[in-house]
Amino acid sequence: MRQKSGTHIFNLSAVGISALLLLSACSSDSGNDGSDQPAEDSTALSDSVATAEVTEAAPTAEPDTAIPEADAEPAVEPVIEEAAEQAEPEMLAADAGATLYESNCKVCHDAGLLNAPKYGDQMAWSTRLTKDKETLYMHSAKGFNKMPAQAVNGVTDAQVKAAVDYMLASVS
């Protein structure tokens, strides 16, 4: 009887620890206070403040010498090429959305943790489907209410968008 009681306590402890780990994986550490505003990146905010302070502290003087037109033209071309490279969308594998869903999103969206809409449940997704897709992409990438930001730790916005499209396809 003692061995059975010890096994029962061990099983309850394992289930409790598993539940805590699962909840901590889906919790938001972004400091979101529950408001309807998306979580902000505090490092981006502090960087922009630091940049603004540096810009105000050191005004730049315009040079008195004129730059010949021939020299100015090559400097413009690389900037245009860089902008064209950045404008091209990231090429993802056909199953990129499913892969990200299986590795990151499934933990909460399969069980409906933290009021996450369950995968494939049209009723649970109905309120989110009233918003446009861009809003869903932004909330998924940057975080919203209890939804933690997903475009972190090497996950790109394009991958998050693919995962959102994958989940929306299940209820469309």
N, C-alpha and C. Protein backbone atom coordinates (compact mmCIF):
# COMPACT_ATOMS: atom_id res chain seq x y z
N MET A 1 0.81 -1.19 0.00
CA MET A 1 0.00 0.00 0.00
C MET A 1 0.86 1.26 0.00
N ARG A 2 2.00 1.22 0.73
CA ARG A 2 2.87 2.39 0.79
C ARG A 2 3.45 2.71 -0.58
N GLN A 3 3.80 1.68 -1.35
CA GLN A 3 4.38 1.91 -2.67
C GLN A 3 3.34 2.53 -3.59
N LYS A 4 2.11 2.12 -3.51
CA LYS A 4 1.04 2.67 -4.34
C LYS A 4 0.81 4.14 -4.00
N SER A 5 0.85 4.49 -2.72
CA SER A 5 0.68 5.88 -2.28
C SER A 5 1.84 6.74 -2.77
N GLY A 6 3.05 6.23 -2.70
CA GLY A 6 4.23 6.96 -3.17
C GLY A 6 4.17 7.19 -4.67
N THR A 7 3.69 6.21 -5.42
CA THR A 7 3.55 6.35 -6.87
C THR A 7 2.49 7.39 -7.20
N HIS A 8 1.41 7.39 -6.43
CA HIS A 8 0.34 8.36 -6.64
C HIS A 8 0.85 9.79 -6.41
N ILE A 9 1.62 10.00 -5.36
CA ILE A 9 2.18 11.33 -5.07
C ILE A 9 3.14 11.74 -6.17
N PHE A 10 3.96 10.81 -6.63
CA PHE A 10 4.90 11.10 -7.71
C PHE A 10 4.16 11.51 -8.99
N ASN A 11 3.10 10.77 -9.32
CA ASN A 11 2.32 11.10 -10.52
C ASN A 11 1.67 12.48 -10.41
N LEU A 12 1.10 12.80 -9.26
CA LEU A 12 0.50 14.11 -9.06
C LEU A 12 1.55 15.22 -9.17
N SER A 13 2.72 14.98 -8.62
CA SER A 13 3.80 15.98 -8.72
C SER A 13 4.22 16.19 -10.16
N ALA A 14 4.34 15.11 -10.91
CA ALA A 14 4.75 15.22 -12.32
C ALA A 14 3.71 15.97 -13.13
N VAL A 15 2.43 15.70 -12.88
CA VAL A 15 1.36 16.40 -13.60
C VAL A 15 1.37 17.88 -13.24
N GLY A 16 1.56 18.20 -11.97
CA GLY A 16 1.59 19.60 -11.53
C GLY A 16 2.75 20.36 -12.15
N ILE A 17 3.92 19.77 -12.16
CA ILE A 17 5.10 20.42 -12.76
C ILE A 17 4.89 20.60 -14.26
N SER A 18 4.33 19.60 -14.91
CA SER A 18 4.06 19.72 -16.35
C SER A 18 3.09 20.85 -16.64
N ALA A 19 2.06 20.99 -15.83
CA ALA A 19 1.09 22.06 -16.03
C ALA A 19 1.74 23.43 -15.84
N LEU A 20 2.60 23.56 -14.84
CA LEU A 20 3.30 24.83 -14.62
C LEU A 20 4.22 25.17 -15.79
N LEU A 21 4.94 24.19 -16.29
CA LEU A 21 5.82 24.43 -17.44
C LEU A 21 5.02 24.83 -18.66
N LEU A 22 3.90 24.19 -18.88
CA LEU A 22 3.06 24.52 -20.03
C LEU A 22 2.52 25.94 -19.93
N LEU A 23 2.07 26.34 -18.76
CA LEU A 23 1.56 27.70 -18.58
C LEU A 23 2.67 28.73 -18.72
N SER A 24 3.85 28.43 -18.22
CA SER A 24 4.93 29.40 -18.34
C SER A 24 5.39 29.54 -19.79
N ALA A 25 5.25 28.50 -20.59
CA ALA A 25 5.63 28.58 -22.01
C ALA A 25 4.68 29.48 -22.77
N CYS A 26 3.45 29.57 -22.34
CA CYS A 26 2.46 30.39 -23.04
C CYS A 26 2.25 31.75 -22.40
N SER A 27 2.92 32.01 -21.29
CA SER A 27 2.71 33.29 -20.62
C SER A 27 3.48 34.40 -21.31
N SER A 28 3.04 35.62 -21.10
CA SER A 28 3.67 36.79 -21.72
C SER A 28 4.56 37.48 -20.71
N ASP A 29 5.84 37.61 -21.03
CA ASP A 29 6.77 38.34 -20.19
C ASP A 29 7.03 39.73 -20.74
N SER A 30 6.20 40.20 -21.64
CA SER A 30 6.44 41.49 -22.29
C SER A 30 5.95 42.66 -21.46
N GLY A 31 5.40 42.43 -20.28
CA GLY A 31 4.92 43.52 -19.45
C GLY A 31 3.57 44.05 -19.90
N ASN A 32 2.87 43.29 -20.69
CA ASN A 32 1.56 43.74 -21.18
C ASN A 32 0.60 43.73 -20.00
N ASP A 33 -0.08 44.82 -19.77
CA ASP A 33 -0.96 44.97 -18.63
C ASP A 33 -2.40 44.56 -18.90
N GLY A 34 -2.64 43.87 -20.02
CA GLY A 34 -3.98 43.42 -20.34
C GLY A 34 -4.75 44.41 -21.17
N SER A 35 -4.16 45.53 -21.50
CA SER A 35 -4.87 46.50 -22.34
C SER A 35 -4.90 46.00 -23.77
N ASP A 36 -5.64 46.69 -24.61
CA ASP A 36 -5.77 46.27 -26.00
C ASP A 36 -4.62 46.75 -26.86
N GLN A 37 -3.59 47.32 -26.28
CA GLN A 37 -2.46 47.81 -27.05
C GLN A 37 -1.46 46.68 -27.22
N PRO A 38 -0.85 46.55 -28.42
CA PRO A 38 0.15 45.51 -28.62
C PRO A 38 1.39 45.80 -27.78
N ALA A 39 2.10 44.73 -27.42
CA ALA A 39 3.31 44.88 -26.63
C ALA A 39 4.36 45.62 -27.43
N GLU A 40 5.10 46.53 -26.75
CA GLU A 40 6.13 47.29 -27.43
C GLU A 40 7.48 46.69 -27.09
N ASP A 41 8.40 46.86 -27.97
CA ASP A 41 9.76 46.39 -27.75
C ASP A 41 10.50 47.48 -27.00
N SER A 42 10.85 47.24 -25.72
CA SER A 42 11.47 48.27 -24.91
C SER A 42 12.85 48.63 -25.41
N THR A 43 13.57 47.69 -26.03
CA THR A 43 14.90 48.03 -26.55
C THR A 43 14.79 48.97 -27.73
N ALA A 44 13.77 48.78 -28.57
CA ALA A 44 13.59 49.68 -29.71
C ALA A 44 13.25 51.07 -29.22
N LEU A 45 12.46 51.17 -28.16
CA LEU A 45 12.09 52.46 -27.61
C LEU A 45 13.30 53.16 -27.02
N SER A 46 14.11 52.43 -26.24
CA SER A 46 15.29 53.06 -25.65
C SER A 46 16.31 53.42 -26.71
N ASP A 47 16.44 52.63 -27.78
CA ASP A 47 17.35 52.97 -28.87
C ASP A 47 16.92 54.24 -29.57
N SER A 48 15.61 54.39 -29.80
CA SER A 48 15.13 55.59 -30.48
C SER A 48 15.33 56.82 -29.61
N VAL A 49 15.18 56.69 -28.28
CA VAL A 49 15.41 57.81 -27.38
C VAL A 49 16.89 58.17 -27.38
N ALA A 50 17.76 57.17 -27.34
CA ALA A 50 19.20 57.43 -27.36
C ALA A 50 19.61 58.09 -28.67
N THR A 51 19.05 57.65 -29.78
CA THR A 51 19.36 58.25 -31.07
C THR A 51 18.89 59.69 -31.11
N ALA A 52 17.71 59.96 -30.56
CA ALA A 52 17.20 61.32 -30.55
C ALA A 52 18.09 62.23 -29.71
N GLU A 53 18.58 61.73 -28.57
CA GLU A 53 19.46 62.53 -27.73
C GLU A 53 20.76 62.84 -28.45
N VAL A 54 21.34 61.87 -29.12
CA VAL A 54 22.59 62.07 -29.84
C VAL A 54 22.38 63.06 -30.97
N THR A 55 21.27 62.95 -31.68
CA THR A 55 20.99 63.85 -32.79
C THR A 55 20.84 65.28 -32.30
N GLU A 56 20.18 65.50 -31.19
CA GLU A 56 20.00 66.84 -30.67
C GLU A 56 21.30 67.39 -30.11
N ALA A 57 22.14 66.56 -29.54
CA ALA A 57 23.37 67.01 -28.92
C ALA A 57 24.42 67.42 -29.95
N ALA A 58 24.46 66.80 -31.09
CA ALA A 58 25.50 67.07 -32.08
C ALA A 58 24.89 67.48 -33.40
N PRO A 59 24.55 68.78 -33.57
CA PRO A 59 24.01 69.20 -34.86
C PRO A 59 25.11 69.13 -35.92
N THR A 60 24.72 68.76 -37.12
CA THR A 60 25.69 68.63 -38.19
C THR A 60 25.70 69.89 -39.03
N ALA A 61 26.90 70.26 -39.44
CA ALA A 61 27.04 71.43 -40.31
C ALA A 61 27.18 70.96 -41.74
N GLU A 62 26.56 71.67 -42.66
CA GLU A 62 26.65 71.29 -44.06
C GLU A 62 28.00 71.71 -44.62
N PRO A 63 28.63 70.85 -45.44
CA PRO A 63 29.93 71.21 -46.01
C PRO A 63 29.78 72.34 -47.03
N ASP A 64 30.84 73.16 -47.12
CA ASP A 64 30.84 74.29 -48.04
C ASP A 64 31.21 73.87 -49.46
N THR A 65 31.83 72.72 -49.61
CA THR A 65 32.27 72.30 -50.94
C THR A 65 31.16 71.58 -51.67
N ALA A 66 31.10 71.79 -52.95
CA ALA A 66 30.09 71.13 -53.78
C ALA A 66 30.62 69.78 -54.24
N ILE A 67 29.75 68.78 -54.29
CA ILE A 67 30.13 67.45 -54.75
C ILE A 67 29.82 67.36 -56.23
N PRO A 68 30.80 66.94 -57.02
CA PRO A 68 30.53 66.80 -58.46
C PRO A 68 29.43 65.77 -58.68
N GLU A 69 28.62 65.96 -59.73
CA GLU A 69 27.50 65.08 -60.03
C GLU A 69 27.94 63.66 -60.31
N ALA A 70 29.05 63.45 -60.93
CA ALA A 70 29.54 62.12 -61.28
C ALA A 70 29.83 61.31 -60.02
N ASP A 71 30.36 61.95 -58.98
CA ASP A 71 30.66 61.25 -57.74
C ASP A 71 29.39 60.94 -56.95
N ALA A 72 28.39 61.77 -57.04
CA ALA A 72 27.16 61.58 -56.27
C ALA A 72 26.31 60.44 -56.81
N GLU A 73 26.37 60.19 -58.09
CA GLU A 73 25.52 59.17 -58.71
C GLU A 73 25.81 57.75 -58.21
N PRO A 74 27.06 57.27 -58.14
CA PRO A 74 27.30 55.91 -57.66
C PRO A 74 26.85 55.71 -56.21
N ALA A 75 26.88 56.73 -55.40
CA ALA A 75 26.46 56.59 -54.01
C ALA A 75 24.96 56.33 -53.92
N VAL A 76 24.19 56.80 -54.87
CA VAL A 76 22.74 56.62 -54.85
C VAL A 76 22.36 55.21 -55.29
N GLU A 77 23.06 54.66 -56.25
CA GLU A 77 22.72 53.34 -56.80
C GLU A 77 22.73 52.23 -55.76
N PRO A 78 23.77 52.08 -54.90
CA PRO A 78 23.73 51.00 -53.91
C PRO A 78 22.55 51.12 -52.95
N VAL A 79 22.16 52.32 -52.62
CA VAL A 79 21.02 52.50 -51.72
C VAL A 79 19.76 51.98 -52.37
N ILE A 80 19.58 52.25 -53.66
CA ILE A 80 18.42 51.77 -54.39
C ILE A 80 18.45 50.25 -54.48
N GLU A 81 19.63 49.67 -54.72
CA GLU A 81 19.74 48.22 -54.80
C GLU A 81 19.43 47.57 -53.45
N GLU A 82 19.91 48.18 -52.35
CA GLU A 82 19.62 47.63 -51.03
C GLU A 82 18.12 47.67 -50.75
N ALA A 83 17.48 48.76 -51.12
CA ALA A 83 16.04 48.88 -50.90
C ALA A 83 15.28 47.84 -51.71
N ALA A 84 15.74 47.56 -52.93
CA ALA A 84 15.09 46.55 -53.76
C ALA A 84 15.26 45.17 -53.16
N GLU A 85 16.44 44.89 -52.59
CA GLU A 85 16.68 43.59 -51.96
C GLU A 85 15.80 43.42 -50.73
N GLN A 86 15.63 44.48 -49.95
CA GLN A 86 14.80 44.40 -48.75
C GLN A 86 13.33 44.30 -49.08
N ALA A 87 12.92 44.83 -50.21
CA ALA A 87 11.51 44.81 -50.59
C ALA A 87 11.06 43.42 -51.05
N GLU A 88 12.00 42.58 -51.47
CA GLU A 88 11.64 41.24 -51.92
C GLU A 88 11.16 40.43 -50.72
N PRO A 89 10.05 39.72 -50.84
CA PRO A 89 9.55 38.92 -49.72
C PRO A 89 10.45 37.73 -49.45
N GLU A 90 10.48 37.32 -48.21
CA GLU A 90 11.28 36.17 -47.81
C GLU A 90 10.67 34.91 -48.42
N MET A 91 11.50 34.10 -49.04
CA MET A 91 11.02 32.85 -49.64
C MET A 91 10.96 31.78 -48.55
N LEU A 92 9.79 31.23 -48.34
CA LEU A 92 9.58 30.21 -47.32
C LEU A 92 9.18 28.90 -47.97
N ALA A 93 9.44 27.82 -47.27
CA ALA A 93 9.01 26.51 -47.74
C ALA A 93 7.48 26.46 -47.68
N ALA A 94 6.91 25.58 -48.46
CA ALA A 94 5.45 25.47 -48.54
C ALA A 94 4.83 25.12 -47.18
N ASP A 95 5.56 24.38 -46.36
CA ASP A 95 5.03 23.96 -45.07
C ASP A 95 5.57 24.80 -43.91
N ALA A 96 6.06 26.00 -44.19
CA ALA A 96 6.65 26.85 -43.14
C ALA A 96 5.63 27.18 -42.05
N GLY A 97 4.40 27.47 -42.45
CA GLY A 97 3.36 27.78 -41.47
C GLY A 97 3.05 26.60 -40.57
N ALA A 98 2.93 25.43 -41.18
CA ALA A 98 2.64 24.22 -40.40
C ALA A 98 3.80 23.88 -39.47
N THR A 99 5.02 24.09 -39.95
CA THR A 99 6.20 23.79 -39.14
C THR A 99 6.25 24.69 -37.91
N LEU A 100 6.04 25.99 -38.10
CA LEU A 100 6.06 26.92 -36.96
C LEU A 100 4.90 26.63 -36.02
N TYR A 101 3.73 26.32 -36.57
CA TYR A 101 2.58 25.98 -35.73
C TYR A 101 2.91 24.78 -34.84
N GLU A 102 3.47 23.74 -35.44
CA GLU A 102 3.79 22.52 -34.68
C GLU A 102 4.84 22.78 -33.60
N SER A 103 5.81 23.66 -33.89
CA SER A 103 6.90 23.87 -32.93
C SER A 103 6.57 24.92 -31.87
N ASN A 104 5.78 25.95 -32.19
CA ASN A 104 5.55 27.03 -31.23
C ASN A 104 4.08 27.20 -30.82
N CYS A 105 3.19 27.19 -31.78
CA CYS A 105 1.81 27.61 -31.55
C CYS A 105 0.93 26.50 -30.97
N LYS A 106 1.24 25.28 -31.30
CA LYS A 106 0.39 24.14 -30.95
C LYS A 106 0.19 24.00 -29.45
N VAL A 107 1.20 24.36 -28.67
CA VAL A 107 1.12 24.20 -27.22
C VAL A 107 -0.14 24.88 -26.67
N CYS A 108 -0.39 26.10 -27.08
CA CYS A 108 -1.55 26.84 -26.56
C CYS A 108 -2.80 26.65 -27.41
N HIS A 109 -2.64 26.61 -28.73
CA HIS A 109 -3.80 26.60 -29.61
C HIS A 109 -4.46 25.22 -29.73
N ASP A 110 -3.79 24.14 -29.38
CA ASP A 110 -4.45 22.83 -29.37
C ASP A 110 -5.33 22.67 -28.13
N ALA A 111 -4.85 23.18 -27.00
CA ALA A 111 -5.58 23.02 -25.75
C ALA A 111 -6.46 24.22 -25.41
N GLY A 112 -6.28 25.33 -26.12
CA GLY A 112 -7.04 26.54 -25.83
C GLY A 112 -6.56 27.25 -24.58
N LEU A 113 -5.28 27.10 -24.25
CA LEU A 113 -4.73 27.74 -23.06
C LEU A 113 -4.78 29.26 -23.19
N LEU A 114 -4.99 29.93 -22.06
CA LEU A 114 -5.03 31.39 -21.99
C LEU A 114 -6.02 31.98 -22.98
N ASN A 115 -7.12 31.29 -23.19
CA ASN A 115 -8.18 31.70 -24.13
C ASN A 115 -7.72 31.76 -25.57
N ALA A 116 -6.70 31.00 -25.91
CA ALA A 116 -6.24 30.95 -27.31
C ALA A 116 -7.29 30.20 -28.12
N PRO A 117 -7.64 30.71 -29.30
CA PRO A 117 -8.62 29.98 -30.12
C PRO A 117 -8.02 28.65 -30.58
N LYS A 118 -8.78 27.59 -30.41
CA LYS A 118 -8.30 26.26 -30.78
C LYS A 118 -8.18 26.13 -32.29
N TYR A 119 -7.17 25.39 -32.71
CA TYR A 119 -6.94 25.14 -34.13
C TYR A 119 -8.14 24.43 -34.73
N GLY A 120 -8.71 24.98 -35.78
CA GLY A 120 -9.82 24.37 -36.48
C GLY A 120 -11.20 24.65 -35.90
N ASP A 121 -11.29 25.38 -34.79
CA ASP A 121 -12.56 25.66 -34.13
C ASP A 121 -13.11 27.00 -34.64
N GLN A 122 -14.07 26.93 -35.57
CA GLN A 122 -14.61 28.16 -36.18
C GLN A 122 -15.25 29.08 -35.15
N MET A 123 -15.92 28.53 -34.18
CA MET A 123 -16.58 29.35 -33.17
C MET A 123 -15.56 30.16 -32.37
N ALA A 124 -14.46 29.52 -31.99
CA ALA A 124 -13.42 30.21 -31.22
C ALA A 124 -12.72 31.28 -32.03
N TRP A 125 -12.62 31.09 -33.34
CA TRP A 125 -11.93 32.04 -34.21
C TRP A 125 -12.86 33.15 -34.72
N SER A 126 -14.15 33.04 -34.50
CA SER A 126 -15.11 33.97 -35.12
C SER A 126 -14.83 35.44 -34.78
N THR A 127 -14.49 35.75 -33.53
CA THR A 127 -14.22 37.15 -33.18
C THR A 127 -12.93 37.65 -33.81
N ARG A 128 -11.96 36.77 -33.97
CA ARG A 128 -10.70 37.19 -34.58
C ARG A 128 -10.82 37.35 -36.09
N LEU A 129 -11.73 36.59 -36.68
CA LEU A 129 -11.92 36.67 -38.13
C LEU A 129 -12.60 37.96 -38.55
N THR A 130 -13.21 38.69 -37.60
CA THR A 130 -13.83 39.97 -37.94
C THR A 130 -12.77 41.04 -38.18
N LYS A 131 -11.56 40.82 -37.67
CA LYS A 131 -10.46 41.76 -37.89
C LYS A 131 -9.80 41.44 -39.22
N ASP A 132 -9.09 42.41 -39.76
CA ASP A 132 -8.38 42.13 -41.01
C ASP A 132 -7.13 41.30 -40.72
N LYS A 133 -6.61 40.66 -41.76
CA LYS A 133 -5.46 39.77 -41.58
C LYS A 133 -4.23 40.51 -41.08
N GLU A 134 -4.04 41.75 -41.52
CA GLU A 134 -2.86 42.51 -41.09
C GLU A 134 -2.85 42.68 -39.57
N THR A 135 -4.01 42.88 -38.97
CA THR A 135 -4.10 43.01 -37.52
C THR A 135 -3.72 41.69 -36.86
N LEU A 136 -4.21 40.59 -37.40
CA LEU A 136 -3.86 39.27 -36.85
C LEU A 136 -2.36 39.01 -36.98
N TYR A 137 -1.78 39.37 -38.12
CA TYR A 137 -0.33 39.20 -38.31
C TYR A 137 0.44 40.01 -37.27
N MET A 138 0.03 41.27 -37.06
CA MET A 138 0.73 42.14 -36.12
C MET A 138 0.60 41.61 -34.69
N HIS A 139 -0.60 41.22 -34.29
CA HIS A 139 -0.80 40.71 -32.94
C HIS A 139 0.00 39.44 -32.71
N SER A 140 0.10 38.59 -33.72
CA SER A 140 0.86 37.35 -33.58
C SER A 140 2.35 37.63 -33.51
N ALA A 141 2.83 38.54 -34.32
CA ALA A 141 4.26 38.83 -34.36
C ALA A 141 4.72 39.60 -33.13
N LYS A 142 3.95 40.60 -32.71
CA LYS A 142 4.39 41.50 -31.64
C LYS A 142 3.76 41.21 -30.29
N GLY A 143 2.73 40.38 -30.25
CA GLY A 143 2.06 40.06 -29.00
C GLY A 143 0.84 40.94 -28.80
N PHE A 144 -0.15 40.39 -28.08
CA PHE A 144 -1.39 41.12 -27.83
C PHE A 144 -2.11 40.45 -26.67
N ASN A 145 -2.48 41.22 -25.66
CA ASN A 145 -3.12 40.68 -24.46
C ASN A 145 -2.30 39.51 -23.91
N LYS A 146 -2.86 38.31 -23.86
CA LYS A 146 -2.15 37.15 -23.33
C LYS A 146 -1.27 36.46 -24.37
N MET A 147 -1.42 36.84 -25.63
CA MET A 147 -0.64 36.23 -26.72
C MET A 147 0.78 36.78 -26.69
N PRO A 148 1.78 35.92 -26.43
CA PRO A 148 3.16 36.41 -26.43
C PRO A 148 3.64 36.68 -27.86
N ALA A 149 4.60 37.56 -27.99
CA ALA A 149 5.18 37.87 -29.30
C ALA A 149 5.84 36.62 -29.86
N GLN A 150 5.63 36.37 -31.14
CA GLN A 150 6.18 35.17 -31.78
C GLN A 150 7.36 35.48 -32.70
N ALA A 151 7.50 36.73 -33.14
CA ALA A 151 8.61 37.10 -34.03
C ALA A 151 9.84 37.40 -33.18
N VAL A 152 10.31 36.40 -32.46
CA VAL A 152 11.47 36.51 -31.59
C VAL A 152 12.32 35.26 -31.74
N ASN A 153 13.54 35.33 -31.24
CA ASN A 153 14.45 34.18 -31.24
C ASN A 153 14.62 33.55 -32.61
N GLY A 154 14.85 34.38 -33.62
CA GLY A 154 15.12 33.88 -34.96
C GLY A 154 13.90 33.61 -35.80
N VAL A 155 12.71 33.80 -35.27
CA VAL A 155 11.48 33.62 -36.05
C VAL A 155 11.17 34.94 -36.74
N THR A 156 11.01 34.92 -38.05
CA THR A 156 10.78 36.14 -38.81
C THR A 156 9.28 36.46 -38.88
N ASP A 157 8.99 37.70 -39.25
CA ASP A 157 7.60 38.11 -39.44
C ASP A 157 6.93 37.28 -40.53
N ALA A 158 7.70 36.93 -41.57
CA ALA A 158 7.15 36.13 -42.67
C ALA A 158 6.76 34.74 -42.19
N GLN A 159 7.54 34.16 -41.29
CA GLN A 159 7.20 32.84 -40.75
C GLN A 159 5.95 32.92 -39.88
N VAL A 160 5.84 33.98 -39.09
CA VAL A 160 4.65 34.17 -38.25
C VAL A 160 3.42 34.33 -39.15
N LYS A 161 3.57 35.11 -40.22
CA LYS A 161 2.47 35.31 -41.16
C LYS A 161 2.04 33.97 -41.77
N ALA A 162 3.01 33.13 -42.11
CA ALA A 162 2.70 31.81 -42.68
C ALA A 162 1.95 30.95 -41.67
N ALA A 163 2.33 31.02 -40.40
CA ALA A 163 1.65 30.24 -39.37
C ALA A 163 0.22 30.73 -39.17
N VAL A 164 0.02 32.06 -39.20
CA VAL A 164 -1.34 32.61 -39.07
C VAL A 164 -2.19 32.15 -40.25
N ASP A 165 -1.62 32.22 -41.45
CA ASP A 165 -2.35 31.76 -42.64
C ASP A 165 -2.70 30.28 -42.53
N TYR A 166 -1.79 29.49 -41.98
CA TYR A 166 -2.03 28.06 -41.79
C TYR A 166 -3.20 27.84 -40.84
N MET A 167 -3.24 28.58 -39.74
CA MET A 167 -4.34 28.42 -38.78
C MET A 167 -5.66 28.94 -39.35
N LEU A 168 -5.60 30.05 -40.09
CA LEU A 168 -6.83 30.58 -40.68
C LEU A 168 -7.40 29.65 -41.75
N ALA A 169 -6.51 28.94 -42.46
CA ALA A 169 -6.98 28.01 -43.48
C ALA A 169 -7.80 26.88 -42.86
N SER A 170 -7.54 26.57 -41.59
CA SER A 170 -8.28 25.48 -40.94
C SER A 170 -9.71 25.88 -40.60
N VAL A 171 -10.01 27.18 -40.58
CA VAL A 171 -11.36 27.62 -40.23
C VAL A 171 -12.05 28.33 -41.38
N SER A 172 -11.42 28.37 -42.53
CA SER A 172 -12.02 29.05 -43.69
C SER A 172 -12.81 28.09 -44.54
